[in-house]
Amino acid sequence: MTDGNGVTPLDGHLGYWLRFVSNQVSHAFATKLAARGVTVAEWVVLRELFERDAVAPSALAERLGMTRGAISKLADRLATKELITQGPDPARLPHDRRYQTLALTLDGRALVPELSALADRNDAEFFGHLDPGERVVIEEAMKGIVRRLGLRSVPVE
């Protein structure tokens, strides 16, 4: 749908509405996480580590579609906050200390369910009014786009 000059209005694009909602959802979640001293990117790493005992930074980068440098910076910040440990791979000790692993500390492991509850609450605030069928349609449409385009990077902004 174009205007009289053959130019589609800004809000005539589905991407506009997706971004409009996404920005609000993301900002609200980032604000909730910031109150707990964590960024969205840090939350993503913590949540991923929650599923594993210890993981190599390179494997985590691959899994999340992030660069190794980004994972390294996030790991350093999370280690400073004492939410993860960084150290030699125990399976390779004492012979090889080059391979590093990341793992949640007890504090990090305790924090993940609290942050997950914030994510659930944020989702409910924005999407709780949808009936289950509407939610499934939206979610499946988004997942279909991700699959079709082969998107891999986990959203962290």
Protein backbone atom coordinates (compact mmCIF):
# COMPACT_ATOMS: atom_id res chain seq x y z
CA MET A 1 0.00 0.00 0.00
CA THR A 2 1.62 3.21 -1.15
CA ASP A 3 0.66 6.84 -0.81
CA GLY A 4 -0.03 9.12 -3.76
CA ASN A 5 3.71 9.40 -4.48
CA GLY A 6 4.27 5.65 -4.72
CA VAL A 7 5.96 5.53 -1.29
CA THR A 8 4.78 3.08 1.34
CA PRO A 9 4.04 4.78 4.66
CA LEU A 10 6.39 3.92 7.50
CA ASP A 11 3.71 2.01 9.39
CA GLY A 12 2.72 0.18 6.21
CA HIS A 13 5.52 -2.33 6.77
CA LEU A 14 5.13 -5.38 8.98
CA GLY A 15 8.75 -4.89 10.05
CA TYR A 16 7.78 -1.52 11.51
CA TRP A 17 5.19 -3.12 13.79
CA LEU A 18 7.48 -6.01 14.72
CA ARG A 19 10.22 -3.56 15.67
CA PHE A 20 7.75 -1.30 17.51
CA VAL A 21 6.62 -4.15 19.75
CA SER A 22 10.07 -5.75 19.99
CA ASN A 23 11.67 -2.53 21.18
CA GLN A 24 9.10 -2.16 23.95
CA VAL A 25 9.37 -5.80 25.04
CA SER A 26 13.17 -5.69 24.99
CA HIS A 27 13.41 -2.39 26.85
CA ALA A 28 11.04 -3.53 29.57
CA PHE A 29 12.99 -6.76 30.03
CA ALA A 30 16.35 -4.97 30.03
CA THR A 31 15.04 -2.63 32.73
CA LYS A 32 13.92 -5.57 34.87
CA LEU A 33 17.29 -7.27 34.46
CA ALA A 34 19.21 -4.06 35.17
CA ALA A 35 17.47 -3.87 38.55
CA ARG A 36 19.16 -7.22 39.27
CA GLY A 37 22.54 -6.00 37.95
CA VAL A 38 22.49 -8.07 34.75
CA THR A 39 22.28 -7.14 31.06
CA VAL A 40 20.23 -9.02 28.48
CA ALA A 41 23.41 -10.46 26.93
CA GLU A 42 24.60 -11.63 30.35
CA TRP A 43 21.19 -13.22 30.97
CA VAL A 44 21.46 -15.15 27.71
CA VAL A 45 24.87 -16.54 28.73
CA LEU A 46 23.70 -17.38 32.26
CA ARG A 47 20.60 -19.14 30.93
CA GLU A 48 22.64 -21.16 28.45
CA LEU A 49 25.17 -22.17 31.13
CA PHE A 50 22.30 -23.24 33.40
CA GLU A 51 21.75 -26.21 31.07
CA ARG A 52 25.37 -27.39 31.26
CA ASP A 53 27.98 -28.25 33.86
CA ALA A 54 30.82 -26.48 32.05
CA VAL A 55 31.29 -25.37 28.47
CA ALA A 56 34.15 -24.08 26.36
CA PRO A 57 33.74 -20.41 25.39
CA SER A 58 34.08 -21.36 21.72
CA ALA A 59 31.21 -23.86 22.01
CA LEU A 60 29.08 -21.24 23.76
CA ALA A 61 29.85 -18.71 21.03
CA GLU A 62 28.84 -21.23 18.38
CA ARG A 63 25.64 -22.16 20.21
CA LEU A 64 24.57 -18.52 20.64
CA GLY A 65 25.76 -17.28 17.25
CA MET A 66 28.11 -14.79 18.90
CA THR A 67 31.77 -14.08 18.37
CA ARG A 68 34.37 -15.55 20.70
CA GLY A 69 35.39 -12.00 21.59
CA ALA A 70 31.84 -11.15 22.67
CA ILE A 71 31.65 -14.30 24.80
CA SER A 72 35.03 -13.48 26.34
CA LYS A 73 33.88 -9.99 27.35
CA LEU A 74 30.61 -11.29 28.75
CA ALA A 75 32.43 -14.05 30.63
CA ASP A 76 34.83 -11.53 32.16
CA ARG A 77 31.92 -9.36 33.34
CA LEU A 78 30.04 -12.33 34.76
CA ALA A 79 33.16 -13.63 36.49
CA THR A 80 33.72 -10.19 38.04
CA LYS A 81 30.14 -10.38 39.36
CA GLU A 82 31.00 -13.86 40.70
CA LEU A 83 28.19 -15.45 38.71
CA ILE A 84 30.43 -17.74 36.64
CA THR A 85 33.85 -19.30 36.91
CA GLN A 86 36.44 -19.36 34.16
CA GLY A 87 39.17 -21.91 34.33
CA PRO A 88 41.06 -24.77 32.80
CA ASP A 89 39.01 -27.68 31.53
CA PRO A 90 39.11 -30.21 34.41
CA ALA A 91 39.13 -33.08 31.92
CA ARG A 92 42.45 -31.86 30.50
CA LEU A 93 44.23 -31.17 33.79
CA PRO A 94 46.98 -31.34 34.82
CA HIS A 95 48.55 -31.72 31.38
CA ASP A 96 46.90 -28.97 29.36
CA ARG A 97 45.76 -25.66 30.85
CA ARG A 98 45.09 -23.94 27.51
CA TYR A 99 41.49 -25.13 27.19
CA GLN A 100 39.14 -23.04 29.30
CA THR A 101 35.59 -23.69 30.43
CA LEU A 102 32.83 -21.52 31.80
CA ALA A 103 30.45 -22.66 34.53
CA LEU A 104 27.90 -21.09 36.83
CA THR A 105 28.84 -20.41 40.42
CA LEU A 106 26.34 -21.28 43.14
CA ASP A 107 25.21 -17.64 43.12
CA GLY A 108 24.84 -17.73 39.34
CA ARG A 109 22.86 -20.96 39.47
CA ALA A 110 20.56 -19.48 42.14
CA LEU A 111 20.05 -16.29 40.12
CA VAL A 112 18.92 -17.94 36.86
CA PRO A 113 15.47 -19.04 38.11
CA GLU A 114 14.88 -15.52 39.47
CA LEU A 115 15.79 -13.98 36.13
CA SER A 116 13.70 -16.56 34.31
CA ALA A 117 10.70 -15.47 36.39
CA LEU A 118 11.37 -11.88 35.26
CA ALA A 119 11.37 -13.07 31.64
CA ASP A 120 8.10 -14.92 32.22
CA ARG A 121 6.54 -11.84 33.83
CA ASN A 122 7.73 -9.63 30.97
CA ASP A 123 6.21 -12.03 28.44
CA ALA A 124 2.93 -12.08 30.36
CA GLU A 125 2.81 -8.28 30.50
CA PHE A 126 3.06 -7.99 26.73
CA PHE A 127 1.47 -11.19 25.47
CA GLY A 128 -0.67 -12.48 28.32
CA HIS A 129 -3.82 -11.05 26.73
CA LEU A 130 -3.45 -13.27 23.66
CA ASP A 131 -5.49 -16.41 23.57
CA PRO A 132 -3.36 -19.56 23.16
CA GLY A 133 -4.27 -19.89 19.49
CA GLU A 134 -3.14 -16.34 18.69
CA ARG A 135 0.10 -16.89 20.54
CA VAL A 136 0.80 -20.11 18.62
CA VAL A 137 0.14 -18.40 15.28
CA ILE A 138 2.52 -15.51 16.08
CA GLU A 139 5.21 -17.78 17.51
CA GLU A 140 5.07 -20.24 14.61
CA ALA A 141 5.20 -17.39 12.08
CA MET A 142 8.33 -15.97 13.74
CA LYS A 143 9.96 -19.40 14.02
CA GLY A 144 9.16 -20.03 10.37
CA ILE A 145 10.98 -16.84 9.37
CA VAL A 146 13.96 -17.83 11.51
CA ARG A 147 14.10 -21.28 9.87
CA ARG A 148 13.59 -19.97 6.33
CA LEU A 149 16.36 -17.39 6.66
CA GLY A 150 18.65 -19.63 8.70
CA LEU A 151 18.93 -17.03 11.45
CA ARG A 152 21.19 -18.11 14.29
CA SER A 153 22.26 -15.19 16.44
CA VAL A 154 20.39 -15.11 19.71
CA PRO A 155 18.81 -11.69 20.29
CA VAL A 156 20.70 -9.89 23.05
CA GLU A 157 19.82 -6.25 22.42
